[in-house]
Amino acid sequence: MTTGNSGQGTLLAVDLGIRTGLAFFGSDGRLRWYGSRNFGRRSRLRDAIPGILNECPCLSRLVLEGGGDLAEIWIREADRRRVTVMTLYAEEWREGLLLPRDRRSGADAKRNALAAARVIIEWSGAKRPTSLRHDAAEAVLAGFWGAMEAGMIDVPPEGLFSNH
């Protein structure tokens, strides 16, 4: 699903959940920051969304991994701000960013997603993680996939598709 404008700007990717993965990409498609936040309950997440979006200058795209009622909260706020929204599921970015051998099982896909996210973090020059949670890694990959789909990235980083 895609809504809103398509002007060049920045992108925020969200791995939906009460524990939310976030990844913010600049207009050049490079990762600027990423992390994980545990909101504890739906009402806290709902209240935090405007502030999170305010942390993202020139935001023009929001990529949501997942769906349901949590997606609707993000979509409402994005629509209010006229931000383009793309929703997808992990299978979509996994198919585009992980080799078939790297996603044979859910456990393989999660392990290799962590490694692929580290490649993108390194390529972007973003701060290296001391530990990288799955939700943050999946937000990084969903955002990277969304940035590629939006034409923000011409050439993926070397090593993304090999030997994670």
N, C-alpha and C. Protein backbone atom coordinates (compact mmCIF):
# COMPACT_ATOMS: atom_id res chain seq x y z
N MET A 1 0.84 -1.18 0.00
CA MET A 1 0.00 0.00 0.00
C MET A 1 0.88 1.24 0.00
N THR A 2 0.61 2.17 -0.84
CA THR A 2 1.36 3.41 -0.90
C THR A 2 0.38 4.56 -0.95
N THR A 3 0.63 5.58 -0.14
CA THR A 3 -0.23 6.76 -0.16
C THR A 3 0.64 8.00 -0.06
N GLY A 4 0.08 9.16 -0.35
CA GLY A 4 0.78 10.42 -0.10
C GLY A 4 1.60 10.92 -1.26
N ASN A 5 2.58 11.80 -0.94
CA ASN A 5 3.40 12.42 -1.98
C ASN A 5 4.60 11.57 -2.30
N SER A 6 5.31 11.91 -3.35
CA SER A 6 6.50 11.14 -3.72
C SER A 6 7.72 12.04 -3.86
N GLY A 7 7.69 13.23 -3.26
CA GLY A 7 8.83 14.14 -3.34
C GLY A 7 10.06 13.58 -2.66
N GLN A 8 11.24 14.01 -3.12
CA GLN A 8 12.50 13.54 -2.52
C GLN A 8 12.60 14.08 -1.11
N GLY A 9 13.02 13.28 -0.21
CA GLY A 9 13.18 13.66 1.19
C GLY A 9 13.78 12.49 1.93
N THR A 10 13.48 12.40 3.20
CA THR A 10 14.03 11.34 4.03
C THR A 10 13.00 10.24 4.24
N LEU A 11 13.45 9.16 4.84
CA LEU A 11 12.62 7.97 5.01
C LEU A 11 12.79 7.43 6.42
N LEU A 12 11.68 7.07 7.04
CA LEU A 12 11.69 6.38 8.33
C LEU A 12 11.08 5.01 8.13
N ALA A 13 11.78 3.97 8.58
CA ALA A 13 11.26 2.61 8.54
C ALA A 13 10.93 2.17 9.96
N VAL A 14 9.82 1.46 10.09
CA VAL A 14 9.34 1.02 11.39
C VAL A 14 9.02 -0.47 11.33
N ASP A 15 9.66 -1.24 12.21
CA ASP A 15 9.27 -2.64 12.43
C ASP A 15 8.21 -2.57 13.52
N LEU A 16 6.95 -2.78 13.11
CA LEU A 16 5.82 -2.55 13.99
C LEU A 16 5.79 -3.49 15.19
N GLY A 17 5.40 -2.94 16.30
CA GLY A 17 5.22 -3.70 17.53
C GLY A 17 5.22 -2.75 18.71
N ILE A 18 4.87 -3.27 19.87
CA ILE A 18 5.00 -2.47 21.08
C ILE A 18 6.48 -2.22 21.33
N ARG A 19 7.33 -3.23 21.05
CA ARG A 19 8.76 -3.01 20.95
C ARG A 19 8.99 -2.71 19.48
N THR A 20 9.35 -1.48 19.19
CA THR A 20 9.38 -0.96 17.83
C THR A 20 10.81 -0.78 17.35
N GLY A 21 11.11 -1.30 16.17
CA GLY A 21 12.39 -1.03 15.53
C GLY A 21 12.24 0.19 14.65
N LEU A 22 13.23 1.07 14.67
CA LEU A 22 13.19 2.31 13.89
C LEU A 22 14.50 2.47 13.13
N ALA A 23 14.42 2.97 11.91
CA ALA A 23 15.61 3.26 11.12
C ALA A 23 15.32 4.47 10.25
N PHE A 24 16.16 5.50 10.37
CA PHE A 24 15.98 6.75 9.64
C PHE A 24 17.05 6.89 8.58
N PHE A 25 16.63 7.14 7.33
CA PHE A 25 17.52 7.26 6.19
C PHE A 25 17.47 8.68 5.63
N GLY A 26 18.64 9.21 5.28
CA GLY A 26 18.72 10.51 4.65
C GLY A 26 18.25 10.45 3.21
N SER A 27 18.15 11.60 2.55
CA SER A 27 17.69 11.65 1.17
C SER A 27 18.64 10.95 0.21
N ASP A 28 19.87 10.68 0.65
CA ASP A 28 20.84 9.95 -0.17
C ASP A 28 20.73 8.44 0.00
N GLY A 29 19.76 7.99 0.80
CA GLY A 29 19.57 6.57 1.02
C GLY A 29 20.47 5.97 2.08
N ARG A 30 21.27 6.79 2.72
CA ARG A 30 22.17 6.29 3.77
C ARG A 30 21.47 6.34 5.13
N LEU A 31 21.72 5.31 5.91
CA LEU A 31 21.16 5.21 7.25
C LEU A 31 21.77 6.28 8.14
N ARG A 32 20.94 7.04 8.83
CA ARG A 32 21.42 8.08 9.74
C ARG A 32 21.39 7.61 11.19
N TRP A 33 20.28 6.99 11.60
CA TRP A 33 20.19 6.43 12.94
C TRP A 33 19.21 5.27 12.95
N TYR A 34 19.31 4.45 13.98
CA TYR A 34 18.46 3.27 14.11
C TYR A 34 18.40 2.89 15.58
N GLY A 35 17.42 2.10 15.93
CA GLY A 35 17.32 1.64 17.31
C GLY A 35 16.01 0.93 17.56
N SER A 36 15.82 0.61 18.81
CA SER A 36 14.65 -0.11 19.26
C SER A 36 14.09 0.60 20.48
N ARG A 37 12.78 0.72 20.53
CA ARG A 37 12.14 1.35 21.69
C ARG A 37 10.98 0.47 22.15
N ASN A 38 10.93 0.23 23.44
CA ASN A 38 9.84 -0.55 24.01
C ASN A 38 8.85 0.40 24.66
N PHE A 39 7.65 0.48 24.09
CA PHE A 39 6.65 1.40 24.59
C PHE A 39 5.75 0.78 25.67
N GLY A 40 5.81 -0.53 25.82
CA GLY A 40 5.07 -1.18 26.90
C GLY A 40 3.60 -1.42 26.62
N ARG A 41 2.96 -0.46 26.01
CA ARG A 41 1.54 -0.63 25.66
C ARG A 41 1.19 0.29 24.48
N ARG A 42 0.09 -0.07 23.84
CA ARG A 42 -0.36 0.60 22.62
C ARG A 42 -0.56 2.10 22.83
N SER A 43 -1.13 2.51 23.94
CA SER A 43 -1.42 3.93 24.17
C SER A 43 -0.13 4.75 24.25
N ARG A 44 0.91 4.20 24.83
CA ARG A 44 2.19 4.92 24.89
C ARG A 44 2.80 5.06 23.50
N LEU A 45 2.70 3.99 22.71
CA LEU A 45 3.19 4.05 21.34
C LEU A 45 2.43 5.12 20.56
N ARG A 46 1.11 5.08 20.64
CA ARG A 46 0.27 6.06 19.92
C ARG A 46 0.66 7.49 20.29
N ASP A 47 0.88 7.72 21.57
CA ASP A 47 1.25 9.07 22.03
C ASP A 47 2.65 9.48 21.57
N ALA A 48 3.53 8.50 21.36
CA ALA A 48 4.92 8.79 20.99
C ALA A 48 5.11 9.03 19.49
N ILE A 49 4.22 8.56 18.66
CA ILE A 49 4.41 8.63 17.21
C ILE A 49 4.64 10.05 16.69
N PRO A 50 3.87 11.06 17.09
CA PRO A 50 4.16 12.40 16.57
C PRO A 50 5.59 12.86 16.90
N GLY A 51 6.06 12.59 18.10
CA GLY A 51 7.43 12.96 18.48
C GLY A 51 8.48 12.22 17.67
N ILE A 52 8.23 10.95 17.41
CA ILE A 52 9.17 10.17 16.59
C ILE A 52 9.25 10.78 15.20
N LEU A 53 8.11 11.07 14.61
CA LEU A 53 8.11 11.66 13.27
C LEU A 53 8.76 13.04 13.27
N ASN A 54 8.63 13.76 14.37
CA ASN A 54 9.29 15.07 14.48
C ASN A 54 10.82 14.95 14.51
N GLU A 55 11.34 13.79 14.91
CA GLU A 55 12.79 13.55 14.95
C GLU A 55 13.37 13.35 13.55
N CYS A 56 12.52 13.31 12.54
CA CYS A 56 12.93 12.97 11.18
C CYS A 56 12.75 14.18 10.25
N PRO A 57 13.80 14.99 10.10
CA PRO A 57 13.68 16.18 9.25
C PRO A 57 13.40 15.82 7.79
N CYS A 58 12.57 16.63 7.16
CA CYS A 58 12.23 16.48 5.73
C CYS A 58 11.64 15.11 5.41
N LEU A 59 10.90 14.53 6.34
CA LEU A 59 10.34 13.20 6.16
C LEU A 59 9.34 13.19 5.01
N SER A 60 9.58 12.33 4.03
CA SER A 60 8.64 12.20 2.92
C SER A 60 8.13 10.78 2.76
N ARG A 61 8.80 9.81 3.39
CA ARG A 61 8.39 8.40 3.25
C ARG A 61 8.42 7.70 4.60
N LEU A 62 7.41 6.86 4.80
CA LEU A 62 7.33 6.02 5.98
C LEU A 62 7.13 4.59 5.50
N VAL A 63 8.04 3.70 5.87
CA VAL A 63 7.96 2.29 5.50
C VAL A 63 7.59 1.52 6.75
N LEU A 64 6.47 0.81 6.69
CA LEU A 64 6.00 0.03 7.83
C LEU A 64 6.11 -1.45 7.52
N GLU A 65 6.83 -2.17 8.37
CA GLU A 65 6.88 -3.62 8.23
C GLU A 65 5.84 -4.21 9.17
N GLY A 66 4.82 -4.81 8.59
CA GLY A 66 3.73 -5.38 9.35
C GLY A 66 2.43 -4.69 9.01
N GLY A 67 1.40 -5.01 9.75
CA GLY A 67 0.10 -4.43 9.47
C GLY A 67 -0.74 -4.37 10.73
N GLY A 68 -2.04 -4.35 10.53
CA GLY A 68 -2.96 -4.37 11.65
C GLY A 68 -3.19 -3.01 12.28
N ASP A 69 -3.69 -3.04 13.53
CA ASP A 69 -4.07 -1.80 14.19
C ASP A 69 -2.88 -0.91 14.50
N LEU A 70 -1.69 -1.47 14.75
CA LEU A 70 -0.52 -0.62 14.99
C LEU A 70 -0.13 0.14 13.72
N ALA A 71 -0.26 -0.50 12.58
CA ALA A 71 0.03 0.20 11.32
C ALA A 71 -0.92 1.36 11.12
N GLU A 72 -2.19 1.16 11.46
CA GLU A 72 -3.19 2.21 11.27
C GLU A 72 -2.85 3.47 12.06
N ILE A 73 -2.29 3.31 13.26
CA ILE A 73 -1.91 4.48 14.07
C ILE A 73 -0.86 5.30 13.34
N TRP A 74 0.17 4.63 12.81
CA TRP A 74 1.24 5.30 12.07
C TRP A 74 0.70 5.94 10.80
N ILE A 75 -0.15 5.21 10.08
CA ILE A 75 -0.69 5.69 8.81
C ILE A 75 -1.51 6.97 9.02
N ARG A 76 -2.33 7.00 10.06
CA ARG A 76 -3.13 8.20 10.34
C ARG A 76 -2.25 9.43 10.53
N GLU A 77 -1.19 9.28 11.33
CA GLU A 77 -0.31 10.43 11.58
C GLU A 77 0.47 10.80 10.32
N ALA A 78 0.91 9.81 9.56
CA ALA A 78 1.63 10.09 8.31
C ALA A 78 0.72 10.79 7.31
N ASP A 79 -0.51 10.33 7.19
CA ASP A 79 -1.47 10.98 6.28
C ASP A 79 -1.70 12.43 6.68
N ARG A 80 -1.79 12.67 7.97
CA ARG A 80 -1.98 14.04 8.46
C ARG A 80 -0.83 14.94 8.03
N ARG A 81 0.37 14.35 7.93
CA ARG A 81 1.57 15.11 7.55
C ARG A 81 1.87 15.02 6.05
N ARG A 82 1.03 14.32 5.32
CA ARG A 82 1.20 14.12 3.88
C ARG A 82 2.52 13.42 3.55
N VAL A 83 2.80 12.39 4.31
CA VAL A 83 3.99 11.56 4.12
C VAL A 83 3.56 10.29 3.39
N THR A 84 4.30 9.90 2.37
CA THR A 84 4.03 8.67 1.63
C THR A 84 4.23 7.47 2.55
N VAL A 85 3.29 6.54 2.54
CA VAL A 85 3.38 5.35 3.38
C VAL A 85 3.46 4.11 2.51
N MET A 86 4.42 3.25 2.81
CA MET A 86 4.56 1.96 2.16
C MET A 86 4.48 0.90 3.25
N THR A 87 3.58 -0.05 3.10
CA THR A 87 3.53 -1.16 4.04
C THR A 87 4.01 -2.42 3.33
N LEU A 88 4.73 -3.22 4.08
CA LEU A 88 5.25 -4.46 3.53
C LEU A 88 5.42 -5.47 4.66
N TYR A 89 5.69 -6.68 4.28
CA TYR A 89 5.96 -7.74 5.24
C TYR A 89 7.39 -8.20 5.05
N ALA A 90 7.94 -8.81 6.07
CA ALA A 90 9.35 -9.20 6.06
C ALA A 90 9.69 -10.05 4.84
N GLU A 91 8.76 -10.89 4.41
CA GLU A 91 9.04 -11.75 3.26
C GLU A 91 9.40 -10.94 2.02
N GLU A 92 8.83 -9.74 1.88
CA GLU A 92 9.09 -8.91 0.71
C GLU A 92 10.52 -8.40 0.69
N TRP A 93 10.98 -7.78 1.79
CA TRP A 93 12.36 -7.29 1.78
C TRP A 93 13.35 -8.44 1.87
N ARG A 94 12.98 -9.53 2.54
CA ARG A 94 13.90 -10.68 2.60
C ARG A 94 14.17 -11.22 1.19
N GLU A 95 13.13 -11.31 0.39
CA GLU A 95 13.31 -11.80 -0.98
C GLU A 95 14.21 -10.89 -1.79
N GLY A 96 14.13 -9.59 -1.54
CA GLY A 96 14.94 -8.63 -2.27
C GLY A 96 16.35 -8.46 -1.74
N LEU A 97 16.57 -8.75 -0.45
CA LEU A 97 17.87 -8.45 0.16
C LEU A 97 18.65 -9.66 0.67
N LEU A 98 18.00 -10.79 0.81
CA LEU A 98 18.69 -12.00 1.29
C LEU A 98 18.65 -13.07 0.21
N LEU A 99 19.76 -13.75 0.06
CA LEU A 99 19.81 -14.86 -0.88
C LEU A 99 18.90 -15.99 -0.41
N PRO A 100 18.39 -16.81 -1.34
CA PRO A 100 17.52 -17.92 -0.93
C PRO A 100 18.12 -18.79 0.18
N ARG A 101 19.40 -19.06 0.11
CA ARG A 101 20.04 -19.90 1.13
C ARG A 101 20.06 -19.21 2.51
N ASP A 102 19.96 -17.88 2.50
CA ASP A 102 20.00 -17.12 3.74
C ASP A 102 18.64 -16.98 4.41
N ARG A 103 17.60 -17.50 3.74
CA ARG A 103 16.24 -17.38 4.30
C ARG A 103 15.48 -18.70 4.22
N ARG A 104 16.22 -19.80 4.32
CA ARG A 104 15.59 -21.13 4.27
C ARG A 104 14.62 -21.35 5.43
N SER A 105 14.95 -20.83 6.58
CA SER A 105 14.08 -20.94 7.75
C SER A 105 13.97 -19.57 8.40
N GLY A 106 13.01 -19.42 9.30
CA GLY A 106 12.86 -18.16 10.02
C GLY A 106 14.10 -17.82 10.82
N ALA A 107 14.71 -18.83 11.44
CA ALA A 107 15.93 -18.61 12.24
C ALA A 107 17.08 -18.17 11.34
N ASP A 108 17.22 -18.82 10.16
CA ASP A 108 18.26 -18.42 9.21
C ASP A 108 18.04 -16.97 8.77
N ALA A 109 16.80 -16.63 8.45
CA ALA A 109 16.48 -15.29 7.96
C ALA A 109 16.80 -14.24 9.03
N LYS A 110 16.45 -14.52 10.28
CA LYS A 110 16.73 -13.55 11.36
C LYS A 110 18.23 -13.37 11.55
N ARG A 111 18.98 -14.46 11.58
CA ARG A 111 20.44 -14.40 11.77
C ARG A 111 21.09 -13.63 10.62
N ASN A 112 20.70 -13.94 9.41
CA ASN A 112 21.29 -13.28 8.25
C ASN A 112 20.82 -11.84 8.10
N ALA A 113 19.62 -11.53 8.61
CA ALA A 113 19.16 -10.14 8.62
C ALA A 113 20.06 -9.29 9.51
N LEU A 114 20.46 -9.83 10.65
CA LEU A 114 21.38 -9.10 11.53
C LEU A 114 22.68 -8.78 10.80
N ALA A 115 23.22 -9.77 10.10
CA ALA A 115 24.48 -9.57 9.37
C ALA A 115 24.30 -8.57 8.23
N ALA A 116 23.20 -8.66 7.49
CA ALA A 116 22.95 -7.73 6.39
C ALA A 116 22.76 -6.31 6.91
N ALA A 117 22.07 -6.17 8.03
CA ALA A 117 21.88 -4.83 8.62
C ALA A 117 23.23 -4.23 9.00
N ARG A 118 24.14 -5.04 9.51
CA ARG A 118 25.48 -4.54 9.87
C ARG A 118 26.23 -4.05 8.63
N VAL A 119 26.03 -4.72 7.49
CA VAL A 119 26.65 -4.26 6.23
C VAL A 119 26.11 -2.88 5.87
N ILE A 120 24.80 -2.68 5.99
CA ILE A 120 24.19 -1.39 5.66
C ILE A 120 24.64 -0.31 6.64
N ILE A 121 24.74 -0.65 7.90
CA ILE A 121 25.21 0.30 8.92
C ILE A 121 26.63 0.75 8.59
N GLU A 122 27.49 -0.20 8.29
CA GLU A 122 28.89 0.10 7.95
C GLU A 122 28.95 0.96 6.68
N TRP A 123 28.23 0.56 5.65
CA TRP A 123 28.21 1.28 4.36
C TRP A 123 27.73 2.72 4.55
N SER A 124 26.77 2.90 5.43
CA SER A 124 26.19 4.23 5.67
C SER A 124 27.07 5.11 6.53
N GLY A 125 28.02 4.52 7.23
CA GLY A 125 28.82 5.29 8.16
C GLY A 125 28.07 5.64 9.44
N ALA A 126 26.98 4.89 9.71
CA ALA A 126 26.22 5.11 10.94
C ALA A 126 26.98 4.52 12.12
N LYS A 127 26.62 4.94 13.29
CA LYS A 127 27.27 4.46 14.49
C LYS A 127 27.10 2.94 14.60
N ARG A 128 28.20 2.25 14.85
CA ARG A 128 28.15 0.79 14.98
C ARG A 128 27.45 0.41 16.28
N PRO A 129 26.64 -0.65 16.21
CA PRO A 129 25.92 -1.04 17.42
C PRO A 129 26.82 -1.85 18.37
N THR A 130 26.59 -1.67 19.66
CA THR A 130 27.24 -2.57 20.62
C THR A 130 26.48 -3.89 20.62
N SER A 131 25.17 -3.79 20.54
CA SER A 131 24.33 -4.96 20.30
C SER A 131 23.22 -4.50 19.36
N LEU A 132 22.77 -5.40 18.52
CA LEU A 132 21.76 -5.04 17.52
C LEU A 132 20.56 -5.95 17.72
N ARG A 133 19.43 -5.37 18.09
CA ARG A 133 18.20 -6.14 18.28
C ARG A 133 17.59 -6.47 16.92
N HIS A 134 16.85 -7.58 16.90
CA HIS A 134 16.21 -8.01 15.66
C HIS A 134 15.25 -6.96 15.11
N ASP A 135 14.50 -6.29 15.99
CA ASP A 135 13.53 -5.32 15.48
C ASP A 135 14.22 -4.12 14.84
N ALA A 136 15.34 -3.69 15.40
CA ALA A 136 16.10 -2.59 14.79
C ALA A 136 16.71 -3.04 13.47
N ALA A 137 17.28 -4.24 13.44
CA ALA A 137 17.87 -4.77 12.20
C ALA A 137 16.82 -4.89 11.11
N GLU A 138 15.65 -5.36 11.46
CA GLU A 138 14.59 -5.51 10.46
C GLU A 138 14.09 -4.15 9.98
N ALA A 139 14.08 -3.16 10.84
CA ALA A 139 13.72 -1.80 10.40
C ALA A 139 14.77 -1.27 9.43
N VAL A 140 16.06 -1.53 9.72
CA VAL A 140 17.14 -1.11 8.82
C VAL A 140 16.93 -1.74 7.44
N LEU A 141 16.64 -3.02 7.40
CA LEU A 141 16.49 -3.71 6.12
C LEU A 141 15.21 -3.31 5.39
N ALA A 142 14.12 -3.18 6.12
CA ALA A 142 12.88 -2.72 5.48
C ALA A 142 13.06 -1.31 4.92
N GLY A 143 13.75 -0.46 5.67
CA GLY A 143 14.01 0.89 5.20
C GLY A 143 14.93 0.93 4.00
N PHE A 144 15.95 0.11 4.02
CA PHE A 144 16.87 0.04 2.89
C PHE A 144 16.12 -0.43 1.64
N TRP A 145 15.29 -1.45 1.80
CA TRP A 145 14.49 -1.95 0.68
C TRP A 145 13.56 -0.84 0.17
N GLY A 146 12.91 -0.13 1.10
CA GLY A 146 12.04 0.97 0.71
C GLY A 146 12.79 2.08 -0.01
N ALA A 147 14.01 2.38 0.46
CA ALA A 147 14.84 3.40 -0.19
C ALA A 147 15.23 2.97 -1.60
N MET A 148 15.54 1.68 -1.77
CA MET A 148 15.85 1.18 -3.11
C MET A 148 14.63 1.27 -4.02
N GLU A 149 13.48 0.88 -3.50
CA GLU A 149 12.23 0.93 -4.28
C GLU A 149 11.89 2.36 -4.68
N ALA A 150 12.22 3.32 -3.82
CA ALA A 150 11.92 4.73 -4.09
C ALA A 150 12.97 5.39 -4.97
N GLY A 151 14.01 4.66 -5.36
CA GLY A 151 15.04 5.23 -6.21
C GLY A 151 16.05 6.08 -5.47
N MET A 152 16.12 5.95 -4.15
CA MET A 152 17.06 6.73 -3.35
C MET A 152 18.47 6.11 -3.38
N ILE A 153 18.55 4.84 -3.74
CA ILE A 153 19.83 4.12 -3.76
C ILE A 153 19.99 3.48 -5.13
N ASP A 154 21.09 3.80 -5.80
CA ASP A 154 21.36 3.22 -7.11
C ASP A 154 22.11 1.90 -7.02
N VAL A 155 23.12 1.85 -6.16
CA VAL A 155 23.98 0.68 -6.06
C VAL A 155 24.02 0.24 -4.60
N PRO A 156 23.63 -1.01 -4.34
CA PRO A 156 23.68 -1.49 -2.95
C PRO A 156 25.12 -1.66 -2.48
N PRO A 157 25.33 -1.68 -1.18
CA PRO A 157 26.70 -1.81 -0.66
C PRO A 157 27.31 -3.15 -1.04
N GLU A 158 28.61 -3.11 -1.26
CA GLU A 158 29.36 -4.33 -1.55
C GLU A 158 29.25 -5.27 -0.36
N GLY A 159 29.02 -6.54 -0.63
CA GLY A 159 28.94 -7.52 0.42
C GLY A 159 27.54 -7.75 0.97
N LEU A 160 26.55 -6.98 0.50
CA LEU A 160 25.21 -7.15 1.02
C LEU A 160 24.66 -8.52 0.67
N PHE A 161 24.93 -8.99 -0.54
CA PHE A 161 24.36 -10.25 -1.00
C PHE A 161 25.30 -11.42 -0.91
N SER A 162 26.41 -11.29 -0.18
CA SER A 162 27.35 -12.41 -0.11
C SER A 162 28.00 -12.50 1.26
N ASN A 163 28.17 -13.69 1.70
CA ASN A 163 28.95 -14.00 2.90
C ASN A 163 28.68 -13.09 4.08
N HIS A 164 27.42 -13.02 4.49
CA HIS A 164 27.10 -12.26 5.70
C HIS A 164 27.90 -12.87 6.79
